[in-house]
Protein backbone atom coordinates (compact mmCIF):
# COMPACT_ATOMS: atom_id res chain seq x y z
CA UNK A 1 69.17 154.52 137.31
CA UNK A 2 72.69 154.34 135.71
CA UNK A 3 72.20 152.13 132.66
CA UNK A 4 75.63 152.50 131.53
CA UNK A 5 77.15 150.19 133.85
CA UNK A 6 77.31 146.51 132.86
CA UNK A 7 78.32 144.69 136.25
CA UNK A 8 77.09 144.49 139.64
CA UNK A 9 78.29 147.45 142.21
CA UNK A 10 78.67 144.89 145.14
CA UNK A 11 79.88 141.81 143.22
CA UNK A 12 82.27 139.63 145.04
CA UNK A 13 85.02 138.48 142.92
CA UNK A 14 87.22 136.87 145.63
CA UNK A 15 87.58 133.25 146.62
CA UNK A 16 87.42 130.26 144.50
CA UNK A 17 84.42 131.42 142.35
CA UNK A 18 86.12 134.47 141.75
CA UNK A 19 88.87 132.76 140.56
CA UNK A 20 86.64 130.54 138.36
CA UNK A 21 85.30 133.71 136.88
CA UNK A 22 88.36 135.62 136.16
CA UNK A 23 89.95 132.59 134.66
CA UNK A 24 86.99 131.30 132.64
CA UNK A 25 86.30 134.87 131.32
CA UNK A 26 90.02 134.85 129.71
CA UNK A 27 89.00 131.89 127.70
CA UNK A 28 88.49 132.86 124.34
CA UNK A 29 85.05 133.67 122.69
CA UNK A 30 82.87 130.36 122.44
CA UNK A 31 83.18 130.22 118.80
CA UNK A 32 87.00 130.44 118.99
CA UNK A 33 87.00 127.96 121.73
CA UNK A 34 85.06 125.30 119.89
CA UNK A 35 87.51 125.87 116.65
CA UNK A 36 90.20 124.95 119.15
CA UNK A 37 88.53 122.05 120.49
CA UNK A 38 87.82 120.75 116.96
CA UNK A 39 91.73 120.94 116.27
CA UNK A 40 92.15 119.04 119.69
CA UNK A 41 89.78 116.54 118.59
CA UNK A 42 91.61 116.22 115.36
CA UNK A 43 94.79 115.54 116.90
CA UNK A 44 93.63 113.26 119.64
CA UNK A 45 91.67 111.36 117.01
CA UNK A 46 94.90 110.90 114.91
CA UNK A 47 97.15 109.98 117.44
CA UNK A 48 94.59 107.40 119.18
CA UNK A 49 94.02 106.08 115.65
CA UNK A 50 97.62 105.60 114.92
CA UNK A 51 98.14 103.91 118.28
CA UNK A 52 95.25 101.55 117.67
CA UNK A 53 93.12 102.49 120.58
CA UNK A 54 89.99 100.59 120.72
CA UNK A 55 87.33 99.21 123.08
CA UNK A 56 84.73 96.16 123.05
CA UNK A 57 81.11 97.16 122.81
CA UNK A 58 79.43 96.06 126.06
CA UNK A 59 76.39 94.79 124.06
CA UNK A 60 77.65 92.91 121.11
CA UNK A 61 80.99 92.44 121.75
CA UNK A 62 82.39 93.93 118.65
CA UNK A 63 85.42 96.16 118.76
CA UNK A 64 84.87 100.10 118.42
CA UNK A 65 88.20 101.87 117.40
CA UNK A 66 88.80 105.35 117.51
CA UNK A 67 88.82 106.84 113.84
CA UNK A 68 91.27 109.64 112.58
CA UNK A 69 89.24 112.81 111.34
CA UNK A 70 92.31 113.54 109.39
CA UNK A 71 92.11 110.38 107.38
CA UNK A 72 90.82 110.43 103.79
CA UNK A 73 87.79 108.89 105.32
CA UNK A 74 87.51 111.47 108.08
CA UNK A 75 88.06 114.28 105.79
CA UNK A 76 85.51 113.23 103.49
CA UNK A 77 83.06 112.84 106.26
CA UNK A 78 83.49 116.40 107.64
CA UNK A 79 83.05 117.90 104.11
CA UNK A 80 79.96 115.77 103.26
CA UNK A 81 78.16 116.41 106.73
CA UNK A 82 78.99 119.89 107.61
CA UNK A 83 75.74 121.43 106.44
CA UNK A 84 73.82 118.64 108.02
CA UNK A 85 75.91 118.76 111.34
CA UNK A 86 74.64 122.75 111.34
CA UNK A 87 71.04 122.31 110.36
CA UNK A 88 70.65 118.85 112.06
CA UNK A 89 71.87 120.23 115.46
CA UNK A 90 68.96 119.10 117.73
CA UNK A 91 68.56 122.29 119.94
CA UNK A 92 68.61 124.69 117.02
CA UNK A 93 65.22 124.28 115.88
CA UNK A 94 63.94 124.09 119.50
CA UNK A 95 65.56 127.07 120.34
CA UNK A 96 64.49 129.37 117.33
CA UNK A 97 60.95 127.96 117.71
CA UNK A 98 60.49 128.99 121.14
CA UNK A 99 62.46 132.41 120.54
CA UNK A 100 59.72 133.11 118.00
CA UNK A 101 56.83 132.65 120.82
CA UNK A 102 58.93 134.16 123.78
CA UNK A 103 60.21 136.95 121.90
CA UNK A 104 56.84 137.93 120.48
CA UNK A 105 55.40 137.92 124.13
CA UNK A 106 58.45 139.97 125.19
CA UNK A 107 58.26 142.64 122.71
CA UNK A 108 54.64 143.25 123.02
CA UNK A 109 55.04 143.65 126.83
CA UNK A 110 53.06 140.48 127.96
CA UNK A 111 56.03 138.93 129.95
CA UNK A 112 56.85 142.01 131.81
CA UNK A 113 52.86 142.89 132.58
CA UNK A 114 52.33 139.25 133.63
CA UNK A 115 55.38 139.43 136.05
CA UNK A 116 54.24 142.77 137.72
CA UNK A 117 50.75 141.58 137.91
CA UNK A 118 51.44 138.15 139.65
CA UNK A 119 55.11 138.48 141.16
CA UNK A 120 55.49 142.02 142.67
CA UNK A 121 54.70 141.94 146.17
CA UNK A 122 55.55 138.10 146.71
CA UNK A 123 58.03 137.06 149.17
CA UNK A 124 61.30 136.21 147.53
CA UNK A 125 61.84 133.04 149.22
CA UNK A 126 58.41 131.95 147.68
CA UNK A 127 59.31 133.06 144.25
CA UNK A 128 62.81 131.53 144.40
CA UNK A 129 61.31 128.25 145.40
CA UNK A 130 58.70 128.37 142.84
CA UNK A 131 61.13 128.94 140.20
CA UNK A 132 63.34 126.04 141.11
CA UNK A 133 60.46 123.51 141.53
CA UNK A 134 58.70 124.47 138.15
CA UNK A 135 62.02 124.27 136.64
CA UNK A 136 62.73 120.73 137.98
CA UNK A 137 59.34 119.55 137.08
CA UNK A 138 59.74 121.20 133.34
CA UNK A 139 61.47 118.12 132.07
CA UNK A 140 57.95 116.83 131.49
CA UNK A 141 58.35 119.14 128.19
CA UNK A 142 61.90 117.74 127.69
CA UNK A 143 64.47 120.24 126.73
CA UNK A 144 61.87 122.97 126.04
CA UNK A 145 62.20 123.96 129.72
CA UNK A 146 65.97 124.74 129.58
CA UNK A 147 65.05 127.51 127.09
CA UNK A 148 62.04 128.71 128.60
CA UNK A 149 62.44 128.81 132.37
CA UNK A 150 65.99 130.58 132.54
CA UNK A 151 64.53 133.40 130.27
CA UNK A 152 61.25 134.00 132.21
CA UNK A 153 63.12 133.47 135.58
CA UNK A 154 65.60 136.52 134.82
CA UNK A 155 62.47 138.60 133.79
CA UNK A 156 60.85 137.60 136.89
CA UNK A 157 64.07 138.55 139.08
CA UNK A 158 64.42 141.56 137.49
CA UNK A 159 60.83 142.86 137.84
CA UNK A 160 61.44 142.25 141.45
CA UNK A 161 64.53 144.38 141.48
CA UNK A 162 66.66 141.35 142.12
CA UNK A 163 69.85 140.27 139.90
CA UNK A 164 68.58 138.84 136.57
CA UNK A 165 71.63 136.72 136.43
CA UNK A 166 70.35 135.16 139.79
CA UNK A 167 67.24 134.22 138.01
CA UNK A 168 69.33 132.91 134.93
CA UNK A 169 71.29 130.84 137.45
CA UNK A 170 68.31 129.28 139.08
CA UNK A 171 66.51 128.45 136.09
CA UNK A 172 69.37 126.81 134.23
CA UNK A 173 69.88 124.80 137.42
CA UNK A 174 66.60 123.56 138.12
CA UNK A 175 65.89 122.73 134.58
CA UNK A 176 69.24 121.00 133.81
CA UNK A 177 70.91 119.99 137.05
CA UNK A 178 67.56 118.66 138.41
CA UNK A 179 66.58 117.23 134.95
CA UNK A 180 65.72 113.69 136.33
CA UNK A 181 63.49 114.56 139.34
CA UNK A 182 60.03 115.29 138.79
CA UNK A 183 56.57 114.92 140.40
CA UNK A 184 55.23 113.53 137.45
CA UNK A 185 55.97 110.48 135.21
CA UNK A 186 57.90 112.10 132.18
CA UNK A 187 59.03 110.67 128.78
CA UNK A 188 62.70 110.51 130.48
CA UNK A 189 61.10 108.00 132.79
CA UNK A 190 59.91 105.71 130.01
CA UNK A 191 62.85 106.11 127.64
CA UNK A 192 65.50 104.93 130.37
CA UNK A 193 63.06 102.38 131.58
CA UNK A 194 63.24 100.82 128.22
CA UNK A 195 66.80 100.77 127.73
CA UNK A 196 67.33 99.33 131.48
CA UNK A 197 64.87 96.47 130.46
CA UNK A 198 66.97 95.48 127.57
CA UNK A 199 70.13 95.58 129.53
CA UNK A 200 68.61 93.12 132.33
CA UNK A 201 67.54 90.90 129.84
CA UNK A 202 71.40 89.98 129.20
CA UNK A 203 70.91 88.07 132.73
CA UNK A 204 67.41 87.73 133.11
CA UNK A 205 65.03 87.37 130.16
CA UNK A 206 61.76 87.74 132.17
CA UNK A 207 62.86 91.06 134.24
CA UNK A 208 61.23 94.15 133.23
CA UNK A 209 61.57 97.63 134.40
CA UNK A 210 58.46 100.18 134.16
CA UNK A 211 58.48 103.99 133.86
CA UNK A 212 57.53 104.21 137.34
CA UNK A 213 60.16 102.38 138.94
CA UNK A 214 61.95 105.67 140.28
CA UNK A 215 58.66 107.62 140.90
CA UNK A 216 58.84 107.63 144.81
CA UNK A 217 62.40 108.68 144.96
CA UNK A 218 62.28 111.25 142.27
CA UNK A 219 59.32 112.74 143.54
CA UNK A 220 60.80 113.04 146.92
CA UNK A 221 63.83 114.39 145.27
CA UNK A 222 61.99 116.91 143.58
CA UNK A 223 61.39 118.81 146.96
CA UNK A 224 64.81 118.38 148.31
CA UNK A 225 66.55 119.79 145.35
CA UNK A 226 63.97 122.70 145.34
CA UNK A 227 64.82 123.64 148.86
CA UNK A 228 68.76 123.23 148.25
CA UNK A 229 68.36 125.42 144.94
CA UNK A 230 66.45 128.18 146.84
CA UNK A 231 69.29 128.13 149.53
CA UNK A 232 72.01 128.07 147.15
CA UNK A 233 70.47 130.99 145.26
CA UNK A 234 69.73 133.31 148.20
CA UNK A 235 72.62 132.43 150.37
CA UNK A 236 75.37 132.22 147.76
CA UNK A 237 74.67 133.64 144.19
CA UNK A 238 72.53 136.72 144.89
CA UNK A 239 74.92 137.90 147.66
CA UNK A 240 77.90 137.40 145.34
CA UNK A 241 76.22 138.98 142.39
CA UNK A 242 75.09 142.16 144.50
CA UNK A 243 72.92 145.08 143.09
CA UNK A 244 72.30 144.85 139.30
CA UNK A 245 73.10 147.97 137.63
CA UNK A 246 73.02 146.62 133.89
CA UNK A 247 72.39 147.73 130.30
CA UNK A 248 68.96 146.32 130.22
CA UNK A 249 66.61 148.78 131.86
CA UNK A 250 64.51 147.33 134.67
CA UNK A 251 61.10 149.01 135.53
CA UNK A 252 58.91 148.13 138.53
CA UNK A 253 56.06 150.61 137.52
CA UNK A 254 52.58 149.88 138.50
CA UNK A 255 50.48 147.76 135.90
CA UNK A 256 48.20 149.93 133.84
CA UNK A 257 44.41 149.40 133.26
CA UNK A 258 45.16 148.54 129.70
CA UNK A 259 47.54 146.03 130.59
CA UNK A 260 45.31 144.56 133.18
CA UNK A 261 42.71 144.41 130.52
CA UNK A 262 45.13 142.76 128.05
CA UNK A 263 46.22 140.27 130.50
CA UNK A 264 42.77 139.26 131.44
CA UNK A 265 41.85 138.60 127.92
CA UNK A 266 44.75 136.86 127.28
CA UNK A 267 44.32 134.69 130.22
CA UNK A 268 40.82 133.95 128.81
CA UNK A 269 42.47 133.09 125.48
CA UNK A 270 44.88 130.80 127.13
CA UNK A 271 41.93 128.92 129.00
CA UNK A 272 39.92 128.20 125.92
CA UNK A 273 43.24 126.94 124.22
CA UNK A 274 44.17 124.82 126.96
CA UNK A 275 40.45 123.50 127.22
CA UNK A 276 40.63 122.67 123.49
CA UNK A 277 43.88 120.65 123.85
CA UNK A 278 42.52 118.76 126.96
CA UNK A 279 39.03 118.04 125.12
CA UNK A 280 41.34 116.51 122.19
CA UNK A 281 43.38 114.41 124.73
CA UNK A 282 40.42 113.06 126.64
CA UNK A 283 39.28 110.53 124.11
CA UNK A 284 41.34 107.27 124.46
CA UNK A 285 41.77 106.88 120.70
CA UNK A 286 42.77 110.53 120.48
CA UNK A 287 45.34 111.33 117.71
CA UNK A 288 47.69 112.97 120.30
CA UNK A 289 47.84 109.81 122.31
CA UNK A 290 50.00 106.85 121.94
CA UNK A 291 48.49 105.01 119.04
CA UNK A 292 49.66 101.65 120.47
CA UNK A 293 48.94 102.00 124.19
CA UNK A 294 46.67 105.03 124.16
CA UNK A 295 48.71 106.62 126.88
CA UNK A 296 50.38 110.04 127.23
CA UNK A 297 54.04 108.92 127.95
CA UNK A 298 55.35 108.66 125.49
CA UNK A 299 52.76 110.16 122.85
CA UNK A 300 52.49 112.59 120.08
CA UNK A 301 51.40 114.97 122.56
CA UNK A 302 54.55 115.13 124.05
CA UNK A 303 56.42 114.91 120.99
CA UNK A 304 54.56 118.03 119.99
CA UNK A 305 54.84 119.96 123.03
CA UNK A 306 57.04 122.77 121.49
CA UNK A 307 54.82 123.78 118.59
CA UNK A 308 51.83 123.56 121.19
CA UNK A 309 53.73 126.08 123.34
CA UNK A 310 54.15 128.21 120.30
CA UNK A 311 50.91 128.45 119.38
CA UNK A 312 49.84 129.31 123.04
CA UNK A 313 52.51 132.16 123.22
CA UNK A 314 51.36 133.54 119.80
CA UNK A 315 47.72 133.45 120.89
CA UNK A 316 48.33 135.40 124.36
CA UNK A 317 50.65 137.69 122.80
CA UNK A 318 48.23 138.66 120.07
CA UNK A 319 45.42 139.09 122.23
CA UNK A 320 47.37 141.26 124.75
CA UNK A 321 49.41 142.97 122.08
CA UNK A 322 46.29 144.17 120.32
CA UNK A 323 44.56 145.25 123.79
CA UNK A 324 47.30 147.33 124.54
CA UNK A 325 47.95 148.76 121.25
CA UNK A 326 51.30 147.05 120.37
CA UNK A 327 49.66 145.14 117.64
CA UNK A 328 47.79 147.36 115.37
CA UNK A 329 47.92 145.40 112.21
CA UNK A 330 48.80 141.77 111.17
CA UNK A 331 52.12 142.88 109.86
CA UNK A 332 53.14 143.75 113.28
CA UNK A 333 53.35 140.02 114.30
CA UNK A 334 56.09 138.87 112.04
CA UNK A 335 57.82 142.26 112.85
CA UNK A 336 58.18 141.29 116.27
CA UNK A 337 59.15 137.84 115.61
CA UNK A 338 62.09 139.03 113.42
CA UNK A 339 63.32 141.26 116.26
CA UNK A 340 63.23 138.14 118.52
CA UNK A 341 65.47 136.23 116.01
CA UNK A 342 67.58 139.11 115.24
CA UNK A 343 68.61 138.73 118.94
CA UNK A 344 69.53 135.13 118.34
CA UNK A 345 72.02 135.79 115.44
CA UNK A 346 75.13 135.31 117.58
CA UNK A 347 73.55 131.90 118.69
CA UNK A 348 73.14 130.87 115.21
CA UNK A 349 76.47 131.72 114.29
CA UNK A 350 77.83 129.84 117.25
CA UNK A 351 75.62 126.73 116.69
CA UNK A 352 77.54 126.36 113.27
CA UNK A 353 80.69 125.54 115.10
CA UNK A 354 79.12 123.53 117.91
CA UNK A 355 77.41 121.19 115.72
CA UNK A 356 80.70 120.48 113.85
CA UNK A 357 82.61 119.70 117.01
CA UNK A 358 79.81 117.47 118.51
CA UNK A 359 79.58 115.42 115.23
CA UNK A 360 83.20 115.10 114.90
CA UNK A 361 83.79 113.85 118.57
CA UNK A 362 80.98 111.45 118.22
CA UNK A 363 82.28 110.28 114.58
CA UNK A 364 85.70 109.67 116.05
CA UNK A 365 84.51 107.40 118.75
CA UNK A 366 86.54 109.28 121.46
CA UNK A 367 83.69 109.58 123.88
CA UNK A 368 82.71 106.16 123.54
CA UNK A 369 86.08 105.03 124.40
CA UNK A 370 86.37 107.28 127.42
CA UNK A 371 83.07 105.89 128.82
CA UNK A 372 83.88 102.32 128.08
CA UNK A 373 87.43 102.35 129.77
CA UNK A 374 85.79 104.32 132.97
CA UNK A 375 83.10 101.76 133.13
CA UNK A 376 85.66 98.95 133.09
CA UNK A 377 87.82 100.57 135.60
CA UNK A 378 85.08 100.70 138.03
CA UNK A 379 83.95 97.46 137.42
CA UNK A 380 87.31 95.87 137.93
CA UNK A 381 87.40 97.74 141.26
CA UNK A 382 85.24 95.06 143.06
CA UNK A 383 83.43 97.16 145.20
CA UNK A 384 79.86 96.67 146.59
CA UNK A 385 77.42 98.82 148.45
CA UNK A 386 77.43 102.48 149.26
CA UNK A 387 81.13 102.94 147.98
CA UNK A 388 80.19 101.33 144.64
CA UNK A 389 77.06 103.47 144.41
CA UNK A 390 79.28 106.73 145.09
CA UNK A 391 81.72 105.79 142.45
CA UNK A 392 79.12 104.93 139.95
CA UNK A 393 77.38 108.19 140.24
CA UNK A 394 80.69 110.11 140.08
CA UNK A 395 81.67 108.20 136.79
CA UNK A 396 78.43 109.03 135.22
CA UNK A 397 78.73 112.77 136.36
CA UNK A 398 82.38 112.69 134.67
CA UNK A 399 81.18 111.00 131.39
CA UNK A 400 78.46 113.64 131.52
CA UNK A 401 81.10 116.42 130.93
CA UNK A 402 81.87 114.75 127.43
CA UNK A 403 78.52 112.95 126.36
CA UNK A 404 75.37 115.25 126.81
CA UNK A 405 72.86 112.93 125.76
CA UNK A 406 71.34 111.04 128.51
CA UNK A 407 69.97 108.40 126.43
CA UNK A 408 73.30 107.75 124.73
CA UNK A 409 75.05 107.50 127.89
CA UNK A 410 72.58 104.97 129.44
CA UNK A 411 72.59 103.05 126.18
CA UNK A 412 76.58 102.63 126.65
CA UNK A 413 76.55 102.26 130.63
CA UNK A 414 73.24 100.02 131.19
CA UNK A 415 74.54 96.89 129.51
CA UNK A 416 77.58 97.01 131.71
CA UNK A 417 76.32 98.08 135.11
CA UNK A 418 72.89 96.82 135.06
CA UNK A 419 73.53 93.11 134.85
CA UNK A 420 76.60 94.02 137.40
CA UNK A 421 74.61 95.43 140.03
CA UNK A 422 72.01 92.65 139.41
CA UNK A 423 74.46 89.87 140.12
CA UNK A 424 74.99 91.58 143.48
CA UNK A 425 71.49 91.33 144.29
CA UNK A 426 70.27 94.94 143.36
CA UNK A 427 67.12 95.79 141.39
CA UNK A 428 67.75 97.46 138.14
CA UNK A 429 65.75 100.28 139.02
CA UNK A 430 68.38 101.09 141.65
CA UNK A 431 71.09 101.09 139.04
CA UNK A 432 68.87 103.34 137.04
CA UNK A 433 68.14 105.83 139.83
CA UNK A 434 71.92 106.33 140.50
CA UNK A 435 72.70 106.75 136.90
CA UNK A 436 69.94 109.60 136.79
CA UNK A 437 71.56 111.38 139.63
CA UNK A 438 75.04 111.67 138.09
CA UNK A 439 73.47 112.22 134.59
CA UNK A 440 71.68 115.47 135.81
CA UNK A 441 74.05 117.58 138.05
CA UNK A 442 77.23 118.42 135.76
CA UNK A 443 75.50 119.16 132.51
CA UNK A 444 75.40 122.99 133.50
CA UNK A 445 79.13 123.22 134.28
CA UNK A 446 80.04 121.58 130.70
CA UNK A 447 80.73 124.18 128.18
CA UNK A 448 80.17 121.12 125.68
CA UNK A 449 76.46 120.70 126.69
CA UNK A 450 74.34 122.01 123.75
CA UNK A 451 72.27 124.79 125.71
CA UNK A 452 75.41 126.26 127.53
CA UNK A 453 76.15 128.89 124.73
CA UNK A 454 72.24 129.69 125.04
CA UNK A 455 72.74 130.72 128.75
CA UNK A 456 75.63 132.82 128.03
CA UNK A 457 73.58 134.73 125.32
CA UNK A 458 70.69 135.18 127.66
CA UNK A 459 73.25 136.42 130.28
CA UNK A 460 74.72 138.63 127.82
CA UNK A 461 71.40 140.53 127.44
CA UNK A 462 71.65 141.83 131.17
CA UNK A 463 75.46 141.70 131.45
CA UNK A 464 77.55 142.36 128.18
CA UNK A 465 80.74 141.12 129.59
CA UNK A 466 79.44 137.67 130.82
CA UNK A 467 81.11 134.86 129.50
CA UNK A 468 82.10 131.22 130.04
CA UNK A 469 83.85 132.00 133.44
CA UNK A 470 80.78 134.05 134.62
CA UNK A 471 78.64 131.00 133.82
CA UNK A 472 80.79 128.45 135.51
CA UNK A 473 81.22 130.33 138.63
CA UNK A 474 77.42 130.79 139.09
CA UNK A 475 76.79 126.96 138.16
CA UNK A 476 79.52 125.25 140.29
CA UNK A 477 77.91 125.93 143.57
CA UNK A 478 74.71 124.25 142.10
CA UNK A 479 76.43 121.49 140.93
CA UNK A 480 78.73 120.57 143.84
CA UNK A 481 75.93 121.09 146.30
CA UNK A 482 73.30 119.39 144.59
CA UNK A 483 75.18 116.45 143.64
CA UNK A 484 76.41 116.00 147.29
CA UNK A 485 73.02 116.30 148.69
CA UNK A 486 71.36 113.90 146.02
CA UNK A 487 73.87 111.35 146.77
CA UNK A 488 73.48 111.73 150.82
CA UNK A 489 69.74 111.56 150.24
CA UNK A 490 70.06 108.32 147.94
CA UNK A 491 72.17 106.69 150.58
CA UNK A 492 69.81 107.33 153.31
CA UNK A 493 67.03 106.14 151.11
CA UNK A 494 69.03 102.84 150.36
CA UNK A 495 70.03 102.51 154.21
CA UNK A 496 66.11 102.76 155.16
CA UNK A 497 65.28 100.50 152.44
CA UNK A 498 62.46 102.30 150.96
CA UNK A 499 60.96 101.21 147.65
CA UNK A 500 62.06 103.32 144.69
CA UNK A 501 58.91 103.15 143.04
CA UNK A 502 55.76 101.02 142.72
CA UNK A 503 56.78 97.60 142.71
CA UNK A 504 60.46 98.47 142.72
CA UNK A 505 62.15 97.48 146.03
CA UNK A 506 66.08 97.94 146.22
CA UNK A 507 67.18 94.34 146.11
């Protein structure tokens, strides 16, 4: 195999997506890009502050004005918060923690052996659909899935002789563009329901919204999006990428007896560990359950999912590595973990500047002003029914390009739109459902999304020339088609009049 080429020999670079990739890859390195974005935010905040740009807070009626980062107050803030903006960047700890576990599993050969043992010989369509379905349901582990699924999907695709960038694409699309859908009730449901309940109290003090209010629709959406994502991957993404001849050696060797024994023992270890966790969760007063409601959503268990997964990866990696001879002494474990973190060095450097940009953007109130003005414009349009629903979804999808946090956006928009839709006779659960559609699908095409640089770094492991344009060209089909499909599905659901969840009719 020629391992010197770093591109696909049949890659299609024509058409709109080819143009996006070519233009996008001319964008400077993400580190330089975010430096320029910081300069732009400096200038925009100064101009808007001098012009007195402000909006009224829809919750308490207070005036929120744009603050200049180039004022004495702004410069003081930037200097005093610089270290905190870096170390407090939310995805950093999550990514590095999971890298310790996944990197250890990769370096001892556990992941590649598992892929060879379980995936090779399976139908590509089954594998693609399974990755998409698992990725969509991965939001039960919150953002952890965004880190784990694309990396494992790339390894799965590579082990099958398929293009690993297609695996990264479907892994990222499923966990991020399909984030709100799920077969299970997740932490997101509880979080959004709480915000929606507070918003509906503006007009109805007795109304309440439960975490299951969107369950029927979101469970059905999971299968719809999984099918659509599978078709996008196999009909658009993989044909465009062609055959992989990259820098990362791909082997399809048969699994050895030693690897077979290692996987078996690692599997036993995983089952014992899982049984222990389940045993801890069973008692109603378990310390991993919610101390007030004794439920699992939300709970210390879900809040601790990353450490629990890290321990699982360490257990199976150590058992497997010792069996196949990759781990011969205890010092080998931190050695492999160090190699894994070393691979993340470029991401750590990038996080420094990303953390500053996001903090500056939020402090200046620019994102807040954009969101409120957009919401007010839609509200003043005096639309009803399906046109209102579609424009609301598109507004959320647009704002999503600038504000990544789903709860932050909903805390801002819910007090405006939940009462507004309620006055038109619609259940708050419907407003929340429409919001979730727009909130999910455009994350994957926003370079401002905190996990976007991680995907670029992962892609660089297989194609050193992959850049912003490469990722955008891969993700645009998912965004456009999944968004359109989800909107059509929602409008059909609305037209039939099906309940959105238990005790949650549309009207």
